[in-house]
Amino acid sequence: MIRLENVTKAYPNGVKALDDVSITIEKGEFVFIVGGSGSGKTSIIKSLMREITISSGRIYVEGVDITKLSNRKIPKLRRNLGVVFQDFRLLQNLSVYQNVAFALRVTETPSRIIRKTVPTLLSMVGLTHKAKMKPYQLSGGEQQRTALARALANNPPILIADEPTGNLDPKISWEIMRLLLDINMRGTTVVVVTHDREIVDAMKKRVITLKHGRVIKDIQRGDYGYEN
């Protein structure tokens, strides 16, 4: 589903955010990407979304070399990547229902499909009873679940979660992780970027560790295992 081949991202000041990174993530995997600040985690996400262009190497998503994509094809790439951010990025003037529906409207999904799909997604994340509320009326966990539903709106084969539990208390964090596991069990490839050592250690999934832009560990059923 995702393959990085000898990817380097160097900035004009000479700093290498990514330094010869090679990673392969298979269909249906659940993978943690961990590392300290400046390790390259965010650069990987931005590279996968084509928010930044890499300096050298190749990145493939579902077999397509995204480093060669024209700008007009980038929106289609992003529809195949459901992305959830730490700060939720919800539209504050829209209800929970409308936030999820918005992701479908921008892809010109017919209204009859939207009316069927949105309630299903809200049920999946346990927010049917909050459909009419605005984001500011929700708890942090409810906002994150809304963001998850929105990320899944177009049924992406890949879900990327960037620090999905970063602003949440431990109990709510585990609720979000259980949701991500459920989504993974349904066949979606899930990649979680996180600093949450407790969750990573407990879940025993594949862990890719970055340091100074390089992969220093890649362990099946691993733990956080990162020291500054």
Foldseek 3Di string as FASTA:
>chain_A
DKWWAQFWAADPVGQILAGGATDDDDFLAEEEEEEDPSQNPVVVVCCQLVVDATPDTFMDDPRDTCNPDDPVCSVVSLLLELEAEQVLPFDQVAFLLVRLLVLVVVVVHDPVVSVVQSCVLCVLLVNNVRRRPGPVVDDSLVSLSSSVSSSCSSPHLEYEYEASCVPHDPVSSVSVVVSVVVVSVVGRYYYYYHPPQVVQLVPQAWYFYGGSNYTPDTDGRDGNPDDD
